[in-house]
Amino acid sequence: MSTHEVKVRDVSGVIASVIAIVIGVMVLRAARDFDTLGAVFPRSVAVLMMVLGACYVVLALRKPGVSATRLQGSGMRRLALFGVMLGWALLLEPLGFLTTSLIGYVLGLLIANFDRWTPRMTMIYCGAGCSMVVGLFLLFRFALKVPLPPGILI
């Protein structure tokens, strides 16, 4: 039995990247009207979207990739993850960034994790999640000057 790999170009990925570049340009134009501190975050994200989008377009057009097979996923897991993201967005204002993000991380991890839970992996996941959420909080609050809702915890 031979395996035959079909080389294809990721047209949908290129289209999505071009859309990201266009949105980045639109955000940069809109951010011209913001004050200096208020424009830091949108400009940073817009430039990042444009650079990464351009990199993907170049890579995808230079070298075709191997056609990937579609993986069967759980529709319920996807729906539950959507519910967690929606809940995060709705609870961000009353609970605050840190509380909502930690709850969202734990729920997302419980839903999306396929592996067996061991004490070691639990400690790694908890440490990584707390570090990531606190790091994002510090980045948004102090480096990018994004006004985050205070809520229950900070």
N, C-alpha and C. Protein backbone atom coordinates (compact mmCIF):
# COMPACT_ATOMS: atom_id res chain seq x y z
N MET A 1 0.84 -1.16 0.00
CA MET A 1 0.00 0.00 0.00
C MET A 1 0.89 1.23 0.00
N SER A 2 0.68 2.12 -0.92
CA SER A 2 1.50 3.33 -1.00
C SER A 2 0.69 4.53 -0.51
N THR A 3 1.39 5.44 0.07
CA THR A 3 0.73 6.68 0.50
C THR A 3 1.08 7.76 -0.50
N HIS A 4 0.08 8.39 -1.01
CA HIS A 4 0.27 9.45 -2.00
C HIS A 4 -0.13 10.77 -1.36
N GLU A 5 0.84 11.68 -1.25
CA GLU A 5 0.58 12.99 -0.67
C GLU A 5 0.23 13.96 -1.78
N VAL A 6 -0.86 14.65 -1.61
CA VAL A 6 -1.29 15.64 -2.58
C VAL A 6 -0.86 17.02 -2.08
N LYS A 7 -0.09 17.72 -2.90
CA LYS A 7 0.35 19.07 -2.55
C LYS A 7 -0.73 20.07 -2.98
N VAL A 8 -1.18 20.86 -2.03
CA VAL A 8 -2.21 21.85 -2.31
C VAL A 8 -1.83 23.19 -1.68
N ARG A 9 -2.37 24.23 -2.23
CA ARG A 9 -2.19 25.56 -1.65
C ARG A 9 -3.37 25.84 -0.72
N ASP A 10 -3.09 26.48 0.39
CA ASP A 10 -4.13 26.80 1.37
C ASP A 10 -4.81 28.11 0.97
N VAL A 11 -5.74 28.00 0.04
CA VAL A 11 -6.41 29.19 -0.49
C VAL A 11 -7.24 29.88 0.60
N SER A 12 -7.96 29.09 1.40
CA SER A 12 -8.78 29.71 2.44
C SER A 12 -7.92 30.40 3.49
N GLY A 13 -6.75 29.84 3.80
CA GLY A 13 -5.83 30.49 4.73
C GLY A 13 -5.28 31.79 4.18
N VAL A 14 -4.99 31.80 2.88
CA VAL A 14 -4.50 33.03 2.24
C VAL A 14 -5.59 34.10 2.26
N ILE A 15 -6.82 33.70 1.94
CA ILE A 15 -7.94 34.65 1.96
C ILE A 15 -8.13 35.22 3.37
N ALA A 16 -8.10 34.35 4.38
CA ALA A 16 -8.25 34.81 5.77
C ALA A 16 -7.12 35.75 6.16
N SER A 17 -5.91 35.47 5.69
CA SER A 17 -4.77 36.34 6.00
C SER A 17 -4.91 37.70 5.33
N VAL A 18 -5.39 37.71 4.10
CA VAL A 18 -5.61 38.99 3.40
C VAL A 18 -6.69 39.80 4.13
N ILE A 19 -7.73 39.11 4.59
CA ILE A 19 -8.78 39.80 5.37
C ILE A 19 -8.18 40.38 6.65
N ALA A 20 -7.31 39.62 7.32
CA ALA A 20 -6.65 40.12 8.54
C ALA A 20 -5.81 41.36 8.23
N ILE A 21 -5.14 41.36 7.09
CA ILE A 21 -4.33 42.52 6.70
C ILE A 21 -5.23 43.73 6.46
N VAL A 22 -6.34 43.53 5.77
CA VAL A 22 -7.27 44.63 5.49
C VAL A 22 -7.86 45.18 6.80
N ILE A 23 -8.25 44.29 7.71
CA ILE A 23 -8.77 44.73 9.01
C ILE A 23 -7.69 45.51 9.77
N GLY A 24 -6.46 45.04 9.71
CA GLY A 24 -5.36 45.75 10.36
C GLY A 24 -5.19 47.16 9.83
N VAL A 25 -5.28 47.31 8.51
CA VAL A 25 -5.18 48.65 7.90
C VAL A 25 -6.34 49.52 8.38
N MET A 26 -7.54 48.96 8.42
CA MET A 26 -8.71 49.72 8.86
C MET A 26 -8.56 50.15 10.32
N VAL A 27 -8.05 49.27 11.16
CA VAL A 27 -7.85 49.60 12.58
C VAL A 27 -6.80 50.70 12.72
N LEU A 28 -5.72 50.60 11.96
CA LEU A 28 -4.70 51.66 12.01
C LEU A 28 -5.28 53.02 11.62
N ARG A 29 -6.11 53.02 10.60
CA ARG A 29 -6.74 54.28 10.18
C ARG A 29 -7.68 54.80 11.25
N ALA A 30 -8.46 53.92 11.86
CA ALA A 30 -9.39 54.35 12.90
C ALA A 30 -8.65 54.82 14.15
N ALA A 31 -7.51 54.22 14.45
CA ALA A 31 -6.75 54.57 15.66
C ALA A 31 -6.08 55.93 15.56
N ARG A 32 -6.08 56.53 14.38
CA ARG A 32 -5.50 57.88 14.25
C ARG A 32 -6.28 58.89 15.08
N ASP A 33 -7.57 58.61 15.29
CA ASP A 33 -8.42 59.54 16.04
C ASP A 33 -8.36 59.33 17.55
N PHE A 34 -7.67 58.28 18.01
CA PHE A 34 -7.58 57.99 19.44
C PHE A 34 -6.50 58.85 20.08
N ASP A 35 -6.59 58.99 21.41
CA ASP A 35 -5.49 59.68 22.10
C ASP A 35 -4.28 58.74 22.14
N THR A 36 -3.15 59.25 22.57
CA THR A 36 -1.89 58.50 22.48
C THR A 36 -1.96 57.18 23.23
N LEU A 37 -2.42 57.20 24.47
CA LEU A 37 -2.47 55.96 25.26
C LEU A 37 -3.55 55.01 24.75
N GLY A 38 -4.68 55.56 24.33
CA GLY A 38 -5.77 54.72 23.84
C GLY A 38 -5.46 54.02 22.53
N ALA A 39 -4.49 54.53 21.80
CA ALA A 39 -4.16 53.95 20.49
C ALA A 39 -3.09 52.88 20.56
N VAL A 40 -2.44 52.72 21.71
CA VAL A 40 -1.33 51.76 21.80
C VAL A 40 -1.79 50.34 21.51
N PHE A 41 -2.83 49.88 22.18
CA PHE A 41 -3.29 48.50 22.01
C PHE A 41 -3.81 48.23 20.60
N PRO A 42 -4.76 49.03 20.09
CA PRO A 42 -5.25 48.72 18.74
C PRO A 42 -4.16 48.78 17.67
N ARG A 43 -3.24 49.72 17.81
CA ARG A 43 -2.16 49.80 16.82
C ARG A 43 -1.24 48.58 16.92
N SER A 44 -0.94 48.16 18.13
CA SER A 44 -0.08 46.99 18.31
C SER A 44 -0.70 45.75 17.69
N VAL A 45 -1.98 45.53 17.97
CA VAL A 45 -2.67 44.36 17.43
C VAL A 45 -2.79 44.46 15.92
N ALA A 46 -3.09 45.65 15.41
CA ALA A 46 -3.23 45.82 13.96
C ALA A 46 -1.92 45.52 13.24
N VAL A 47 -0.81 46.03 13.75
CA VAL A 47 0.49 45.76 13.12
C VAL A 47 0.81 44.28 13.19
N LEU A 48 0.53 43.64 14.33
CA LEU A 48 0.78 42.21 14.47
C LEU A 48 -0.06 41.41 13.47
N MET A 49 -1.34 41.77 13.33
CA MET A 49 -2.21 41.08 12.36
C MET A 49 -1.67 41.24 10.94
N MET A 50 -1.24 42.43 10.60
CA MET A 50 -0.75 42.68 9.25
C MET A 50 0.55 41.93 8.97
N VAL A 51 1.47 41.94 9.92
CA VAL A 51 2.76 41.26 9.73
C VAL A 51 2.56 39.75 9.63
N LEU A 52 1.80 39.19 10.58
CA LEU A 52 1.58 37.74 10.55
C LEU A 52 0.77 37.31 9.32
N GLY A 53 -0.21 38.12 8.94
CA GLY A 53 -0.98 37.81 7.74
C GLY A 53 -0.10 37.81 6.50
N ALA A 54 0.77 38.81 6.39
CA ALA A 54 1.68 38.88 5.24
C ALA A 54 2.65 37.71 5.23
N CYS A 55 3.16 37.35 6.41
CA CYS A 55 4.07 36.19 6.49
C CYS A 55 3.38 34.92 6.03
N TYR A 56 2.12 34.73 6.45
CA TYR A 56 1.41 33.52 6.05
C TYR A 56 1.15 33.50 4.55
N VAL A 57 0.77 34.63 3.99
CA VAL A 57 0.53 34.70 2.54
C VAL A 57 1.79 34.32 1.78
N VAL A 58 2.92 34.88 2.19
CA VAL A 58 4.19 34.58 1.51
C VAL A 58 4.52 33.09 1.63
N LEU A 59 4.42 32.55 2.84
CA LEU A 59 4.74 31.13 3.03
C LEU A 59 3.79 30.21 2.26
N ALA A 60 2.50 30.54 2.29
CA ALA A 60 1.52 29.68 1.62
C ALA A 60 1.67 29.72 0.10
N LEU A 61 2.06 30.86 -0.45
CA LEU A 61 2.20 30.96 -1.90
C LEU A 61 3.54 30.43 -2.39
N ARG A 62 4.55 30.47 -1.53
CA ARG A 62 5.88 29.97 -1.93
C ARG A 62 5.91 28.46 -2.05
N LYS A 63 5.30 27.78 -1.09
CA LYS A 63 5.44 26.33 -1.03
C LYS A 63 4.10 25.69 -0.69
N PRO A 64 3.56 24.89 -1.59
CA PRO A 64 2.31 24.22 -1.26
C PRO A 64 2.52 23.18 -0.16
N GLY A 65 1.49 22.98 0.64
CA GLY A 65 1.58 22.01 1.73
C GLY A 65 0.88 20.72 1.39
N VAL A 66 1.00 19.76 2.29
CA VAL A 66 0.34 18.47 2.13
C VAL A 66 -1.11 18.64 2.53
N SER A 67 -2.01 18.06 1.76
CA SER A 67 -3.43 18.13 2.07
C SER A 67 -3.70 17.43 3.39
N ALA A 68 -4.33 18.13 4.29
CA ALA A 68 -4.64 17.55 5.60
C ALA A 68 -5.98 16.84 5.56
N THR A 69 -6.08 15.78 6.31
CA THR A 69 -7.35 15.08 6.41
C THR A 69 -8.18 15.74 7.50
N ARG A 70 -9.46 15.75 7.30
CA ARG A 70 -10.34 16.35 8.30
C ARG A 70 -10.46 15.41 9.49
N LEU A 71 -10.30 15.99 10.67
CA LEU A 71 -10.44 15.22 11.89
C LEU A 71 -11.88 15.31 12.38
N GLN A 72 -12.36 14.21 12.88
CA GLN A 72 -13.69 14.21 13.46
C GLN A 72 -13.62 14.81 14.86
N GLY A 73 -14.43 15.77 15.14
CA GLY A 73 -14.44 16.41 16.44
C GLY A 73 -15.79 16.25 17.10
N SER A 74 -15.84 16.66 18.32
CA SER A 74 -17.07 16.58 19.07
C SER A 74 -17.81 17.91 18.95
N GLY A 75 -19.00 17.86 18.41
CA GLY A 75 -19.81 19.06 18.29
C GLY A 75 -20.17 19.64 19.65
N MET A 76 -20.37 18.76 20.63
CA MET A 76 -20.71 19.23 21.97
C MET A 76 -19.54 19.97 22.61
N ARG A 77 -18.32 19.49 22.39
CA ARG A 77 -17.15 20.19 22.93
C ARG A 77 -17.03 21.58 22.31
N ARG A 78 -17.22 21.65 21.02
CA ARG A 78 -17.14 22.95 20.35
C ARG A 78 -18.20 23.90 20.88
N LEU A 79 -19.40 23.40 21.06
CA LEU A 79 -20.49 24.21 21.59
C LEU A 79 -20.19 24.65 23.02
N ALA A 80 -19.64 23.75 23.82
CA ALA A 80 -19.29 24.09 25.20
C ALA A 80 -18.19 25.15 25.24
N LEU A 81 -17.18 25.03 24.37
CA LEU A 81 -16.12 26.03 24.32
C LEU A 81 -16.67 27.39 23.88
N PHE A 82 -17.61 27.38 22.94
CA PHE A 82 -18.26 28.63 22.55
C PHE A 82 -19.00 29.22 23.74
N GLY A 83 -19.68 28.37 24.52
CA GLY A 83 -20.39 28.84 25.71
C GLY A 83 -19.44 29.46 26.73
N VAL A 84 -18.26 28.85 26.90
CA VAL A 84 -17.27 29.40 27.83
C VAL A 84 -16.80 30.77 27.35
N MET A 85 -16.53 30.90 26.05
CA MET A 85 -16.09 32.20 25.52
C MET A 85 -17.19 33.26 25.66
N LEU A 86 -18.42 32.87 25.39
CA LEU A 86 -19.54 33.80 25.54
C LEU A 86 -19.71 34.20 27.00
N GLY A 87 -19.63 33.21 27.90
CA GLY A 87 -19.71 33.51 29.33
C GLY A 87 -18.60 34.43 29.79
N TRP A 88 -17.39 34.20 29.26
CA TRP A 88 -16.26 35.07 29.61
C TRP A 88 -16.57 36.51 29.20
N ALA A 89 -17.08 36.68 27.99
CA ALA A 89 -17.37 38.03 27.50
C ALA A 89 -18.47 38.70 28.33
N LEU A 90 -19.48 37.94 28.72
CA LEU A 90 -20.59 38.51 29.47
C LEU A 90 -20.23 38.80 30.93
N LEU A 91 -19.34 38.00 31.50
CA LEU A 91 -18.98 38.17 32.92
C LEU A 91 -17.74 39.03 33.14
N LEU A 92 -17.11 39.48 32.07
CA LEU A 92 -15.88 40.26 32.20
C LEU A 92 -16.11 41.55 32.99
N GLU A 93 -17.18 42.25 32.70
CA GLU A 93 -17.45 43.52 33.39
C GLU A 93 -17.78 43.32 34.87
N PRO A 94 -18.71 42.44 35.23
CA PRO A 94 -19.03 42.32 36.66
C PRO A 94 -17.96 41.61 37.49
N LEU A 95 -17.26 40.62 36.94
CA LEU A 95 -16.30 39.86 37.73
C LEU A 95 -14.87 40.37 37.61
N GLY A 96 -14.56 41.08 36.55
CA GLY A 96 -13.20 41.56 36.35
C GLY A 96 -12.38 40.61 35.49
N PHE A 97 -11.26 41.13 34.99
CA PHE A 97 -10.44 40.37 34.04
C PHE A 97 -9.82 39.13 34.67
N LEU A 98 -9.18 39.29 35.82
CA LEU A 98 -8.47 38.15 36.42
C LEU A 98 -9.42 37.02 36.78
N THR A 99 -10.49 37.33 37.49
CA THR A 99 -11.44 36.30 37.91
C THR A 99 -12.06 35.59 36.71
N THR A 100 -12.57 36.36 35.77
CA THR A 100 -13.23 35.79 34.60
C THR A 100 -12.25 34.96 33.77
N SER A 101 -11.04 35.45 33.60
CA SER A 101 -10.06 34.74 32.78
C SER A 101 -9.61 33.44 33.43
N LEU A 102 -9.43 33.44 34.74
CA LEU A 102 -9.05 32.20 35.43
C LEU A 102 -10.17 31.16 35.34
N ILE A 103 -11.40 31.60 35.55
CA ILE A 103 -12.54 30.67 35.43
C ILE A 103 -12.65 30.16 34.00
N GLY A 104 -12.52 31.05 33.02
CA GLY A 104 -12.59 30.65 31.62
C GLY A 104 -11.49 29.68 31.24
N TYR A 105 -10.28 29.91 31.75
CA TYR A 105 -9.16 29.01 31.47
C TYR A 105 -9.43 27.61 32.02
N VAL A 106 -9.88 27.55 33.27
CA VAL A 106 -10.14 26.24 33.89
C VAL A 106 -11.25 25.51 33.15
N LEU A 107 -12.34 26.19 32.85
CA LEU A 107 -13.45 25.54 32.14
C LEU A 107 -13.03 25.11 30.73
N GLY A 108 -12.30 25.96 30.03
CA GLY A 108 -11.83 25.60 28.70
C GLY A 108 -10.90 24.40 28.73
N LEU A 109 -10.05 24.35 29.73
CA LEU A 109 -9.13 23.22 29.88
C LEU A 109 -9.89 21.93 30.18
N LEU A 110 -10.87 22.01 31.06
CA LEU A 110 -11.66 20.82 31.39
C LEU A 110 -12.42 20.30 30.18
N ILE A 111 -12.91 21.21 29.35
CA ILE A 111 -13.67 20.79 28.17
C ILE A 111 -12.75 20.27 27.07
N ALA A 112 -11.65 20.94 26.82
CA ALA A 112 -10.83 20.64 25.65
C ALA A 112 -9.76 19.58 25.88
N ASN A 113 -9.43 19.26 27.11
CA ASN A 113 -8.35 18.32 27.38
C ASN A 113 -8.80 16.89 27.12
N PHE A 114 -8.07 16.20 26.27
CA PHE A 114 -8.35 14.80 25.97
C PHE A 114 -7.51 13.85 26.81
N ASP A 115 -6.42 14.35 27.36
CA ASP A 115 -5.46 13.49 28.06
C ASP A 115 -5.94 13.14 29.46
N ARG A 116 -5.29 12.11 30.00
CA ARG A 116 -5.57 11.67 31.36
C ARG A 116 -4.98 12.68 32.33
N TRP A 117 -5.71 12.99 33.39
CA TRP A 117 -5.24 13.94 34.38
C TRP A 117 -4.32 13.23 35.36
N THR A 118 -3.13 13.76 35.52
CA THR A 118 -2.20 13.26 36.53
C THR A 118 -1.87 14.43 37.45
N PRO A 119 -1.41 14.16 38.66
CA PRO A 119 -1.06 15.27 39.56
C PRO A 119 -0.01 16.20 38.94
N ARG A 120 0.97 15.63 38.26
CA ARG A 120 2.02 16.44 37.64
C ARG A 120 1.45 17.35 36.56
N MET A 121 0.62 16.80 35.67
CA MET A 121 0.04 17.60 34.60
C MET A 121 -0.93 18.65 35.15
N THR A 122 -1.64 18.31 36.21
CA THR A 122 -2.54 19.27 36.84
C THR A 122 -1.76 20.47 37.36
N MET A 123 -0.62 20.21 38.02
CA MET A 123 0.21 21.31 38.52
C MET A 123 0.77 22.14 37.38
N ILE A 124 1.19 21.48 36.31
CA ILE A 124 1.73 22.21 35.15
C ILE A 124 0.65 23.08 34.52
N TYR A 125 -0.55 22.51 34.32
CA TYR A 125 -1.65 23.28 33.73
C TYR A 125 -2.03 24.46 34.61
N CYS A 126 -2.11 24.25 35.92
CA CYS A 126 -2.47 25.34 36.84
C CYS A 126 -1.41 26.43 36.84
N GLY A 127 -0.15 26.03 36.90
CA GLY A 127 0.94 27.01 36.89
C GLY A 127 0.99 27.79 35.59
N ALA A 128 0.86 27.08 34.47
CA ALA A 128 0.90 27.74 33.17
C ALA A 128 -0.30 28.68 32.99
N GLY A 129 -1.47 28.22 33.40
CA GLY A 129 -2.68 29.04 33.27
C GLY A 129 -2.62 30.30 34.10
N CYS A 130 -2.23 30.16 35.37
CA CYS A 130 -2.13 31.34 36.25
C CYS A 130 -1.07 32.30 35.73
N SER A 131 0.07 31.78 35.30
CA SER A 131 1.13 32.64 34.76
C SER A 131 0.66 33.37 33.51
N MET A 132 -0.05 32.67 32.66
CA MET A 132 -0.52 33.26 31.42
C MET A 132 -1.55 34.37 31.70
N VAL A 133 -2.51 34.09 32.57
CA VAL A 133 -3.55 35.08 32.85
C VAL A 133 -2.96 36.31 33.54
N VAL A 134 -2.11 36.10 34.54
CA VAL A 134 -1.49 37.23 35.23
C VAL A 134 -0.57 38.00 34.27
N GLY A 135 0.16 37.28 33.43
CA GLY A 135 1.02 37.94 32.45
C GLY A 135 0.22 38.79 31.48
N LEU A 136 -0.91 38.26 31.00
CA LEU A 136 -1.76 39.04 30.10
C LEU A 136 -2.35 40.25 30.81
N PHE A 137 -2.74 40.06 32.07
CA PHE A 137 -3.26 41.19 32.85
C PHE A 137 -2.21 42.30 32.95
N LEU A 138 -0.98 41.92 33.30
CA LEU A 138 0.09 42.91 33.43
C LEU A 138 0.40 43.58 32.09
N LEU A 139 0.40 42.79 31.01
CA LEU A 139 0.65 43.33 29.68
C LEU A 139 -0.42 44.35 29.29
N PHE A 140 -1.69 43.94 29.43
CA PHE A 140 -2.78 44.84 29.05
C PHE A 140 -2.83 46.08 29.93
N ARG A 141 -2.71 45.89 31.24
CA ARG A 141 -2.89 46.98 32.19
C ARG A 141 -1.75 47.99 32.15
N PHE A 142 -0.51 47.50 32.14
CA PHE A 142 0.61 48.42 32.31
C PHE A 142 1.38 48.71 31.02
N ALA A 143 1.58 47.72 30.17
CA ALA A 143 2.35 47.96 28.94
C ALA A 143 1.48 48.57 27.85
N LEU A 144 0.29 48.00 27.63
CA LEU A 144 -0.58 48.48 26.57
C LEU A 144 -1.60 49.52 27.04
N LYS A 145 -1.66 49.75 28.35
CA LYS A 145 -2.54 50.78 28.95
C LYS A 145 -4.01 50.56 28.61
N VAL A 146 -4.45 49.29 28.58
CA VAL A 146 -5.85 48.98 28.32
C VAL A 146 -6.61 49.08 29.64
N PRO A 147 -7.66 49.89 29.71
CA PRO A 147 -8.43 49.97 30.95
C PRO A 147 -9.29 48.71 31.12
N LEU A 148 -8.92 47.86 32.05
CA LEU A 148 -9.65 46.62 32.29
C LEU A 148 -10.68 46.84 33.38
N PRO A 149 -11.84 46.16 33.28
CA PRO A 149 -12.86 46.32 34.33
C PRO A 149 -12.35 45.75 35.65
N PRO A 150 -12.56 46.48 36.77
CA PRO A 150 -12.01 46.03 38.04
C PRO A 150 -12.67 44.77 38.59
N GLY A 151 -13.99 44.72 38.63
CA GLY A 151 -14.68 43.53 39.11
C GLY A 151 -14.32 43.15 40.53
N ILE A 152 -14.41 41.85 40.84
CA ILE A 152 -14.19 41.34 42.19
C ILE A 152 -12.71 41.34 42.55
N LEU A 153 -11.88 40.78 41.70
CA LEU A 153 -10.44 40.75 41.95
C LEU A 153 -9.74 41.64 40.94
N ILE A 154 -9.16 42.70 41.39
CA ILE A 154 -8.39 43.64 40.57
C ILE A 154 -9.09 43.93 39.25
